[in-house]
C-alpha atoms as a PDB file:
ATOM      1  CA  MET A   1      53.917 -18.221  25.211  1.00  0.00           C
ATOM      2  CA  ARG A   2      51.321 -19.390  21.998  1.00  0.00           C
ATOM      3  CA  LEU A   3      49.417 -21.387  24.375  1.00  0.00           C
ATOM      4  CA  PHE A   4      49.245 -18.017  26.611  1.00  0.00           C
ATOM      5  CA  PHE A   5      47.656 -16.050  23.518  1.00  0.00           C
ATOM      6  CA  ARG A   6      45.537 -18.787  22.516  1.00  0.00           C
ATOM      7  CA  GLN A   7      44.295 -19.325  26.301  1.00  0.00           C
ATOM      8  CA  LEU A   8      43.716 -15.465  26.306  1.00  0.00           C
ATOM      9  CA  SER A   9      41.980 -15.251  23.133  1.00  0.00           C
ATOM     10  CA  GLY A  10      39.245 -17.960  24.697  1.00  0.00           C
ATOM     11  CA  GLU A  11      39.180 -15.671  27.522  1.00  0.00           C
ATOM     12  CA  LEU A  12      38.229 -12.642  25.327  1.00  0.00           C
ATOM     13  CA  ARG A  13      35.683 -14.633  23.442  1.00  0.00           C
ATOM     14  CA  LYS A  14      33.961 -15.597  26.623  1.00  0.00           C
ATOM     15  CA  LEU A  15      34.026 -11.946  28.082  1.00  0.00           C
ATOM     16  CA  PHE A  16      32.722 -10.442  24.751  1.00  0.00           C
ATOM     17  CA  ALA A  17      30.216 -13.474  24.899  1.00  0.00           C
ATOM     18  CA  ARG A  18      28.203 -11.948  27.908  1.00  0.00           C
ATOM     19  CA  LYS A  19      25.711  -9.644  27.331  1.00  0.00           C
ATOM     20  CA  ARG A  20      26.637  -7.262  30.200  1.00  0.00           C
ATOM     21  CA  THR A  21      29.980  -6.452  28.652  1.00  0.00           C
ATOM     22  CA  PHE A  22      28.409  -4.416  26.155  1.00  0.00           C
ATOM     23  CA  LEU A  23      26.098  -2.320  28.471  1.00  0.00           C
ATOM     24  CA  GLY A  24      29.081   0.255  28.926  1.00  0.00           C
ATOM     25  CA  PHE A  25      29.529   0.927  25.335  1.00  0.00           C
ATOM     26  CA  GLY A  26      25.496   1.078  25.172  1.00  0.00           C
ATOM     27  CA  ALA A  27      25.115   3.117  27.940  1.00  0.00           C
ATOM     28  CA  PHE A  28      27.939   5.708  26.957  1.00  0.00           C
ATOM     29  CA  LEU A  29      26.283   6.281  23.702  1.00  0.00           C
ATOM     30  CA  ALA A  30      22.889   7.181  25.341  1.00  0.00           C
ATOM     31  CA  PHE A  31      24.651   9.355  28.113  1.00  0.00           C
ATOM     32  CA  GLU A  32      26.568  11.103  25.282  1.00  0.00           C
ATOM     33  CA  VAL A  33      23.411  11.975  23.293  1.00  0.00           C
ATOM     34  CA  VAL A  34      21.964  13.386  26.745  1.00  0.00           C
ATOM     35  CA  VAL A  35      24.878  15.324  27.081  1.00  0.00           C
ATOM     36  CA  LEU A  36      25.098  16.577  23.516  1.00  0.00           C
ATOM     37  CA  PHE A  37      21.344  17.712  24.382  1.00  0.00           C
ATOM     38  CA  LEU A  38      22.021  19.343  27.722  1.00  0.00           C
ATOM     39  CA  LEU A  39      25.014  21.329  25.769  1.00  0.00           C
ATOM     40  CA  ARG A  40      23.141  22.541  23.094  1.00  0.00           C
ATOM     41  CA  LEU A  41      20.992  24.598  24.866  1.00  0.00           C
ATOM     42  CA  GLU A  42      20.876  28.014  24.994  1.00  0.00           C
ATOM     43  CA  LYS A  43      21.882  28.777  28.821  1.00  0.00           C
ATOM     44  CA  VAL A  44      24.788  26.078  29.144  1.00  0.00           C
ATOM     45  CA  GLN A  45      26.473  27.412  26.127  1.00  0.00           C
ATOM     46  CA  GLY A  46      26.419  30.627  27.611  1.00  0.00           C
ATOM     47  CA  SER A  47      28.177  29.425  30.936  1.00  0.00           C
ATOM     48  CA  ILE A  48      31.027  28.034  29.369  1.00  0.00           C
ATOM     49  CA  ARG A  49      31.558  30.893  26.869  1.00  0.00           C
ATOM     50  CA  ARG A  50      31.346  33.368  29.361  1.00  0.00           C
ATOM     51  CA  VAL A  51      34.200  31.377  31.145  1.00  0.00           C
ATOM     52  CA  ILE A  52      36.270  31.248  27.656  1.00  0.00           C
ATOM     53  CA  GLU A  53      35.994  35.365  27.030  1.00  0.00           C
ATOM     54  CA  ASN A  54      36.410  36.232  30.890  1.00  0.00           C
ATOM     55  CA  ALA A  55      40.079  33.962  29.910  1.00  0.00           C
ATOM     56  CA  GLY A  56      40.150  36.467  26.930  1.00  0.00           C
ATOM     57  CA  TYR A  57      39.810  34.211  24.360  1.00  0.00           C
ATOM     58  CA  ASP A  58      37.616  33.957  21.048  1.00  0.00           C
ATOM     59  CA  ALA A  59      34.457  31.721  22.620  1.00  0.00           C
ATOM     60  CA  ALA A  60      33.396  30.839  19.290  1.00  0.00           C
ATOM     61  CA  GLY A  61      36.786  29.364  18.383  1.00  0.00           C
ATOM     62  CA  TYR A  62      37.068  27.293  21.464  1.00  0.00           C
ATOM     63  CA  LEU A  63      33.703  25.905  21.789  1.00  0.00           C
ATOM     64  CA  SER A  64      34.464  23.246  19.337  1.00  0.00           C
ATOM     65  CA  GLY A  65      34.416  19.556  19.051  1.00  0.00           C
ATOM     66  CA  PRO A  66      37.063  18.515  21.124  1.00  0.00           C
ATOM     67  CA  THR A  67      35.636  20.863  24.225  1.00  0.00           C
ATOM     68  CA  LEU A  68      32.807  19.197  23.685  1.00  0.00           C
ATOM     69  CA  GLY A  69      34.800  15.515  23.634  1.00  0.00           C
ATOM     70  CA  PHE A  70      36.819  16.539  26.635  1.00  0.00           C
ATOM     71  CA  LEU A  71      33.750  17.758  28.637  1.00  0.00           C
ATOM     72  CA  ILE A  72      31.705  14.423  28.140  1.00  0.00           C
ATOM     73  CA  VAL A  73      34.686  12.489  29.167  1.00  0.00           C
ATOM     74  CA  VAL A  74      35.087  14.491  31.930  1.00  0.00           C
ATOM     75  CA  TRP A  75      31.661  14.353  33.411  1.00  0.00           C
ATOM     76  CA  THR A  76      31.283  10.461  32.709  1.00  0.00           C
ATOM     77  CA  VAL A  77      34.400   8.838  33.023  1.00  0.00           C
ATOM     78  CA  PHE A  78      34.717   8.135  36.796  1.00  0.00           C
ATOM     79  CA  LEU A  79      30.951   7.375  37.493  1.00  0.00           C
ATOM     80  CA  LEU A  80      29.317   5.626  34.063  1.00  0.00           C
ATOM     81  CA  GLU A  81      32.630   3.944  33.423  1.00  0.00           C
ATOM     82  CA  ALA A  82      33.790   3.486  37.122  1.00  0.00           C
ATOM     83  CA  LEU A  83      30.577   1.437  37.549  1.00  0.00           C
ATOM     84  CA  PHE A  84      30.573  -0.758  34.479  1.00  0.00           C
ATOM     85  CA  LEU A  85      34.269  -1.763  34.652  1.00  0.00           C
ATOM     86  CA  ALA A  86      33.373  -2.263  38.559  1.00  0.00           C
ATOM     87  CA  LEU A  87      30.325  -4.556  37.002  1.00  0.00           C
ATOM     88  CA  VAL A  88      33.234  -6.415  34.614  1.00  0.00           C
ATOM     89  CA  ALA A  89      35.736  -6.807  36.663  1.00  0.00           C
ATOM     90  CA  GLY A  90      33.868  -7.638  39.641  1.00  0.00           C
ATOM     91  CA  ASP A  91      32.622 -10.539  37.938  1.00  0.00           C
ATOM     92  CA  VAL A  92      35.212 -11.974  36.117  1.00  0.00           C
ATOM     93  CA  VAL A  93      35.989 -14.819  38.548  1.00  0.00           C
ATOM     94  CA  SER A  94      33.201 -14.629  41.194  1.00  0.00           C
ATOM     95  CA  LYS A  95      30.327 -15.148  38.078  1.00  0.00           C
ATOM     96  CA  GLU A  96      32.422 -18.647  37.033  1.00  0.00           C
ATOM     97  CA  VAL A  97      33.005 -19.446  40.769  1.00  0.00           C
ATOM     98  CA  GLU A  98      29.482 -19.471  41.504  1.00  0.00           C
ATOM     99  CA  ASP A  99      28.562 -20.843  38.042  1.00  0.00           C
ATOM    100  CA  GLY A 100      30.466 -23.723  38.802  1.00  0.00           C
ATOM    101  CA  SER A 101      32.852 -23.682  35.430  1.00  0.00           C
ATOM    102  CA  MET A 102      35.871 -22.196  37.698  1.00  0.00           C
ATOM    103  CA  ARG A 103      35.750 -25.991  39.363  1.00  0.00           C
ATOM    104  CA  MET A 104      35.826 -27.493  35.582  1.00  0.00           C
ATOM    105  CA  MET A 105      38.309 -25.386  34.268  1.00  0.00           C
ATOM    106  CA  LEU A 106      40.724 -26.014  37.583  1.00  0.00           C
ATOM    107  CA  CYS A 107      40.534 -29.618  36.445  1.00  0.00           C
ATOM    108  CA  ARG A 108      42.884 -29.601  33.401  1.00  0.00           C
ATOM    109  CA  PRO A 109      46.424 -29.127  33.770  1.00  0.00           C
ATOM    110  CA  VAL A 110      46.578 -25.303  34.478  1.00  0.00           C
ATOM    111  CA  SER A 111      47.646 -23.475  37.510  1.00  0.00           C
ATOM    112  CA  ARG A 112      45.592 -21.199  39.493  1.00  0.00           C
ATOM    113  CA  GLY A 113      48.392 -18.433  38.764  1.00  0.00           C
ATOM    114  CA  ARG A 114      48.348 -18.813  34.998  1.00  0.00           C
ATOM    115  CA  ILE A 115      44.215 -18.420  35.359  1.00  0.00           C
ATOM    116  CA  LEU A 116      44.246 -15.352  36.907  1.00  0.00           C
ATOM    117  CA  LEU A 117      46.967 -14.050  35.323  1.00  0.00           C
ATOM    118  CA  LEU A 118      44.590 -14.493  32.039  1.00  0.00           C
ATOM    119  CA  LYS A 119      41.564 -12.766  33.463  1.00  0.00           C
ATOM    120  CA  GLY A 120      43.394 -10.319  34.949  1.00  0.00           C
ATOM    121  CA  THR A 121      45.129  -9.190  31.471  1.00  0.00           C
ATOM    122  CA  VAL A 122      41.376  -9.668  30.106  1.00  0.00           C
ATOM    123  CA  SER A 123      40.198  -7.002  32.584  1.00  0.00           C
ATOM    124  CA  VAL A 124      43.007  -4.304  31.367  1.00  0.00           C
ATOM    125  CA  ILE A 125      42.223  -4.736  27.540  1.00  0.00           C
ATOM    126  CA  TYR A 126      38.305  -4.439  28.487  1.00  0.00           C
ATOM    127  CA  THR A 127      39.087  -1.281  30.365  1.00  0.00           C
ATOM    128  CA  PHE A 128      41.499  -0.118  27.552  1.00  0.00           C
ATOM    129  CA  ALA A 129      38.935  -1.103  25.216  1.00  0.00           C
ATOM    130  CA  LEU A 130      35.979   0.657  26.702  1.00  0.00           C
ATOM    131  CA  THR A 131      38.311   3.482  27.646  1.00  0.00           C
ATOM    132  CA  LEU A 132      38.970   4.404  23.819  1.00  0.00           C
ATOM    133  CA  PHE A 133      35.445   3.457  22.641  1.00  0.00           C
ATOM    134  CA  VAL A 134      34.570   6.493  25.291  1.00  0.00           C
ATOM    135  CA  ALA A 135      36.894   8.803  23.941  1.00  0.00           C
ATOM    136  CA  VAL A 136      36.122   8.186  20.254  1.00  0.00           C
ATOM    137  CA  THR A 137      32.787   8.540  20.171  1.00  0.00           C
ATOM    138  CA  ALA A 138      32.903  11.713  22.872  1.00  0.00           C
ATOM    139  CA  LEU A 139      35.133  13.292  20.119  1.00  0.00           C
ATOM    140  CA  ALA A 140      32.989  12.201  17.099  1.00  0.00           C
ATOM    141  CA  ALA A 141      29.935  13.666  18.831  1.00  0.00           C
ATOM    142  CA  GLY A 142      31.516  16.747  19.553  1.00  0.00           C
ATOM    143  CA  PHE A 143      32.629  16.909  15.692  1.00  0.00           C
ATOM    144  CA  ALA A 144      29.507  16.161  14.891  1.00  0.00           C
ATOM    145  CA  ASN A 145      27.967  19.094  16.450  1.00  0.00           C
ATOM    146  CA  SER A 146      30.250  21.979  16.641  1.00  0.00           C
ATOM    147  CA  GLY A 147      33.028  21.143  14.370  1.00  0.00           C
ATOM    148  CA  PRO A 148      36.715  21.434  14.754  1.00  0.00           C
ATOM    149  CA  GLY A 149      38.526  24.679  16.479  1.00  0.00           C
ATOM    150  CA  GLY A 150      40.586  24.996  19.642  1.00  0.00           C
ATOM    151  CA  LEU A 151      40.535  22.985  22.879  1.00  0.00           C
ATOM    152  CA  PHE A 152      39.486  24.265  25.874  1.00  0.00           C
ATOM    153  CA  VAL A 153      39.943  22.457  29.232  1.00  0.00           C
ATOM    154  CA  PHE A 154      38.979  23.173  32.964  1.00  0.00           C
ATOM    155  CA  ALA A 155      39.272  20.746  35.618  1.00  0.00           C
ATOM    156  CA  PRO A 156      39.801  23.154  39.051  1.00  0.00           C
ATOM    157  CA  LEU A 157      40.264  20.469  41.508  1.00  0.00           C
ATOM    158  CA  GLU A 158      43.175  19.403  39.277  1.00  0.00           C
ATOM    159  CA  GLY A 159      44.355  23.086  38.847  1.00  0.00           C
ATOM    160  CA  VAL A 160      44.099  22.670  35.053  1.00  0.00           C
ATOM    161  CA  PHE A 161      42.892  25.560  32.816  1.00  0.00           C
ATOM    162  CA  ALA A 162      44.267  25.660  29.556  1.00  0.00           C
ATOM    163  CA  PHE A 163      43.636  26.467  25.947  1.00  0.00           C
ATOM    164  CA  HIS A 164      45.095  24.570  22.579  1.00  0.00           C
ATOM    165  CA  ASP A 165      44.961  25.213  18.969  1.00  0.00           C
ATOM    166  CA  PHE A 166      43.209  22.827  16.930  1.00  0.00           C
ATOM    167  CA  VAL A 167      46.366  20.074  15.964  1.00  0.00           C
ATOM    168  CA  PRO A 168      47.916  20.517  19.190  1.00  0.00           C
ATOM    169  CA  GLY A 169      44.751  19.980  21.657  1.00  0.00           C
ATOM    170  CA  LEU A 170      43.724  17.033  19.277  1.00  0.00           C
ATOM    171  CA  LEU A 171      47.334  15.386  19.568  1.00  0.00           C
ATOM    172  CA  ARG A 172      46.909  15.957  23.748  1.00  0.00           C
ATOM    173  CA  TYR A 173      43.377  14.707  23.383  1.00  0.00           C
ATOM    174  CA  LEU A 174      44.638  11.527  21.845  1.00  0.00           C
ATOM    175  CA  ALA A 175      47.407  11.309  24.280  1.00  0.00           C
ATOM    176  CA  MET A 176      45.021  11.028  26.991  1.00  0.00           C
ATOM    177  CA  VAL A 177      43.282   8.366  25.850  1.00  0.00           C
ATOM    178  CA  PRO A 178      45.749   5.710  26.969  1.00  0.00           C
ATOM    179  CA  LEU A 179      46.934   7.733  30.409  1.00  0.00           C
ATOM    180  CA  LEU A 180      43.185   7.732  31.053  1.00  0.00           C
ATOM    181  CA  ALA A 181      42.689   3.994  30.654  1.00  0.00           C
ATOM    182  CA  LEU A 182      45.901   3.382  32.880  1.00  0.00           C
ATOM    183  CA  SER A 183      44.602   5.336  35.538  1.00  0.00           C
ATOM    184  CA  LEU A 184      41.112   3.618  35.294  1.00  0.00           C
ATOM    185  CA  CYS A 185      43.075   0.256  35.845  1.00  0.00           C
ATOM    186  CA  THR A 186      42.820   0.893  39.359  1.00  0.00           C
ATOM    187  CA  ILE A 187      39.036   0.525  39.123  1.00  0.00           C
ATOM    188  CA  THR A 188      39.481  -2.565  37.556  1.00  0.00           C
ATOM    189  CA  ALA A 189      42.461  -4.082  39.912  1.00  0.00           C
ATOM    190  CA  ILE A 190      40.132  -3.326  43.001  1.00  0.00           C
ATOM    191  CA  ALA A 191      37.634  -5.266  41.642  1.00  0.00           C
ATOM    192  CA  PHE A 192      39.382  -7.794  40.405  1.00  0.00           C
ATOM    193  CA  CYS A 193      40.894  -8.594  43.853  1.00  0.00           C
ATOM    194  CA  LEU A 194      37.625  -8.551  45.752  1.00  0.00           C
ATOM    195  CA  SER A 195      35.966 -10.773  42.518  1.00  0.00           C
ATOM    196  CA  CYS A 196      38.830 -13.624  44.028  1.00  0.00           C
ATOM    197  CA  PHE A 197      37.289 -13.422  47.382  1.00  0.00           C
ATOM    198  CA  ASN A 198      34.377 -15.676  48.450  1.00  0.00           C
ATOM    199  CA  MET A 199      31.694 -13.298  47.874  1.00  0.00           C
ATOM    200  CA  LYS A 200      29.308 -12.508  45.020  1.00  0.00           C
ATOM    201  CA  PRO A 201      29.655 -10.858  42.041  1.00  0.00           C
ATOM    202  CA  SER A 202      27.011  -7.994  42.954  1.00  0.00           C
ATOM    203  CA  THR A 203      29.184  -7.702  46.482  1.00  0.00           C
ATOM    204  CA  ALA A 204      32.437  -6.781  44.668  1.00  0.00           C
ATOM    205  CA  THR A 205      31.074  -4.336  42.221  1.00  0.00           C
ATOM    206  CA  ILE A 206      29.221  -2.557  45.294  1.00  0.00           C
ATOM    207  CA  ILE A 207      32.385  -2.734  47.475  1.00  0.00           C
ATOM    208  CA  THR A 208      34.699  -1.539  44.597  1.00  0.00           C
ATOM    209  CA  LEU A 209      32.284   1.226  44.088  1.00  0.00           C
ATOM    210  CA  SER A 210      31.942   1.992  47.809  1.00  0.00           C
ATOM    211  CA  VAL A 211      35.750   2.538  48.060  1.00  0.00           C
ATOM    212  CA  LEU A 212      35.552   4.623  45.316  1.00  0.00           C
ATOM    213  CA  PHE A 213      33.117   7.107  46.535  1.00  0.00           C
ATOM    214  CA  ALA A 214      34.195   7.257  49.892  1.00  0.00           C
ATOM    215  CA  ASP A 215      37.546   8.032  48.428  1.00  0.00           C
ATOM    216  CA  THR A 216      36.599  10.730  46.486  1.00  0.00           C
ATOM    217  CA  ILE A 217      34.066  12.602  49.026  1.00  0.00           C
ATOM    218  CA  LEU A 218      37.360  12.178  51.686  1.00  0.00           C
ATOM    219  CA  LYS A 219      39.292  13.939  49.233  1.00  0.00           C
ATOM    220  CA  ASN A 220      36.862  17.017  48.780  1.00  0.00           C
ATOM    221  CA  ILE A 221      36.733  17.421  52.088  1.00  0.00           C
ATOM    222  CA  PRO A 222      37.987  21.024  52.983  1.00  0.00           C
ATOM    223  CA  TYR A 223      39.629  20.080  55.664  1.00  0.00           C
ATOM    224  CA  PHE A 224      41.316  17.408  53.835  1.00  0.00           C
ATOM    225  CA  GLU A 225      43.430  19.500  51.723  1.00  0.00           C
ATOM    226  CA  SER A 226      46.901  19.035  52.963  1.00  0.00           C
ATOM    227  CA  LEU A 227      45.992  15.113  52.543  1.00  0.00           C
ATOM    228  CA  ARG A 228      44.486  15.625  49.386  1.00  0.00           C
ATOM    229  CA  GLY A 229      47.681  14.300  46.934  1.00  0.00           C
ATOM    230  CA  TRP A 230      47.536  10.585  48.743  1.00  0.00           C
ATOM    231  CA  PHE A 231      43.848   9.600  47.583  1.00  0.00           C
ATOM    232  CA  ILE A 232      43.949   7.206  45.232  1.00  0.00           C
ATOM    233  CA  THR A 233      41.006   9.333  42.925  1.00  0.00           C
ATOM    234  CA  MET A 234      43.514  11.967  43.394  1.00  0.00           C
ATOM    235  CA  LYS A 235      46.122  10.164  41.679  1.00  0.00           C
ATOM    236  CA  MET A 236      44.034   9.050  39.349  1.00  0.00           C
ATOM    237  CA  THR A 237      43.466  12.242  37.772  1.00  0.00           C
ATOM    238  CA  ALA A 238      47.144  12.559  36.570  1.00  0.00           C
ATOM    239  CA  TRP A 239      45.923  11.940  33.016  1.00  0.00           C
ATOM    240  CA  VAL A 240      44.621  15.401  33.220  1.00  0.00           C
ATOM    241  CA  ARG A 241      47.927  16.969  33.162  1.00  0.00           C
ATOM    242  CA  ILE A 242      48.433  16.106  29.368  1.00  0.00           C
ATOM    243  CA  PHE A 243      46.919  19.351  28.798  1.00  0.00           C
ATOM    244  CA  GLU A 244      48.418  21.717  31.075  1.00  0.00           C
ATOM    245  CA  TYR A 245      50.616  23.872  28.945  1.00  0.00           C
ATOM    246  CA  ARG A 246      53.804  22.470  30.377  1.00  0.00           C
ATOM    247  CA  ILE A 247      53.318  18.707  31.110  1.00  0.00           C
ATOM    248  CA  PRO A 248      54.458  17.715  34.488  1.00  0.00           C
ATOM    249  CA  TRP A 249      55.840  14.406  33.628  1.00  0.00           C
ATOM    250  CA  GLU A 250      57.513  14.022  37.149  1.00  0.00           C
ATOM    251  CA  ALA A 251      54.999  14.311  38.773  1.00  0.00           C
ATOM    252  CA  MET A 252      52.691  11.884  36.296  1.00  0.00           C
ATOM    253  CA  VAL A 253      55.348   9.590  36.444  1.00  0.00           C
ATOM    254  CA  GLU A 254      55.327   9.734  39.835  1.00  0.00           C
ATOM    255  CA  ASP A 255      51.609   9.449  40.303  1.00  0.00           C
ATOM    256  CA  TYR A 256      51.465   6.258  37.621  1.00  0.00           C
ATOM    257  CA  MET A 257      54.277   4.678  40.267  1.00  0.00           C
ATOM    258  CA  TRP A 258      51.916   5.204  42.720  1.00  0.00           C
ATOM    259  CA  LEU A 259      48.914   3.285  40.710  1.00  0.00           C
ATOM    260  CA  THR A 260      50.928   0.108  39.646  1.00  0.00           C
ATOM    261  CA  ALA A 261      51.947  -0.637  42.914  1.00  0.00           C
ATOM    262  CA  ILE A 262      48.430  -0.512  44.140  1.00  0.00           C
ATOM    263  CA  ASN A 263      47.663  -2.329  41.146  1.00  0.00           C
ATOM    264  CA  ALA A 264      50.056  -5.047  41.475  1.00  0.00           C
ATOM    265  CA  THR A 265      49.288  -5.176  45.211  1.00  0.00           C
ATOM    266  CA  LEU A 266      45.789  -5.650  44.757  1.00  0.00           C
ATOM    267  CA  PHE A 267      46.877  -8.554  42.083  1.00  0.00           C
ATOM    268  CA  ILE A 268      48.552 -10.670  44.616  1.00  0.00           C
ATOM    269  CA  VAL A 269      46.041 -10.398  47.326  1.00  0.00           C
ATOM    270  CA  GLY A 270      43.664 -11.424  45.156  1.00  0.00           C
ATOM    271  CA  TRP A 271      46.054 -13.938  43.638  1.00  0.00           C
ATOM    272  CA  GLN A 272      46.767 -15.591  47.681  1.00  0.00           C
ATOM    273  CA  MET A 273      42.717 -15.527  48.673  1.00  0.00           C
ATOM    274  CA  PHE A 274      42.339 -17.433  45.048  1.00  0.00           C
ATOM    275  CA  GLU A 275      45.142 -19.883  46.160  1.00  0.00           C
ATOM    276  CA  GLN A 276      43.666 -20.576  49.527  1.00  0.00           C
ATOM    277  CA  ARG A 277      39.804 -21.101  48.549  1.00  0.00           C
ATOM    278  CA  ASP A 278      38.268 -24.604  48.291  1.00  0.00           C
ATOM    279  CA  PHE A 279      36.875 -25.391  44.896  1.00  0.00           C
ATOM    280  CA  LYS A 280      36.027 -29.066  45.575  1.00  0.00           C
ATOM    281  CA  SER A 281      33.510 -29.190  48.352  1.00  0.00           C
END
């Protein structure tokens, strides 16, 4: 076990030594500045204020830091974060194969399964690190812009429309972070699985994003409404339900069990493809 953690530490240093790894962090900071600028516009604030007031609440108490932080996360996470997770996870195996370092690694007395387990663990750690960074910086930006206050959550597709006081809302926001990271691990798993195939890193990234966009488009077609609960991206939105007044734990556990099964299947498929590849010729 000690050797595993030493190897994991080496893989983490290798991952964070690449400039590409930090692109997601910088992109989110830049995008948060843009979103905050847009949220300061009177017309934008007026639209949000009308929704809050039509529900019978005081807009001044809920147009706050936690609300802005939640809006930033919702608007960015499945677009920007999906892009950078696919970029990093799709690169973690195929890039080393392309550079030739994988062949040198396999010269050592270590199994291919152990190598993939290490690289998969590193990819999951990166997913949680990037998600934590996004959630914390979004909340900090919201506090800097609007200060503390109640949390207003509006996610129409998931059927969530809720108002929470400052402390309960902040606790639910913090509880959202690990749930969101668990949901995003499916994007990482898809890209990681494709990275184990004989393809370029850019190809693995593009296919991952294509799968997610296709799933999202099909999910939003009105004629498929009866099937909406079976789409992957719909199950990935389980984290939003943490903001409901009565948290549907059973439904959330079911969704995360589905996602865990999908992730495990993708890892096994990638592992089998990696085992069959020839790195000698």
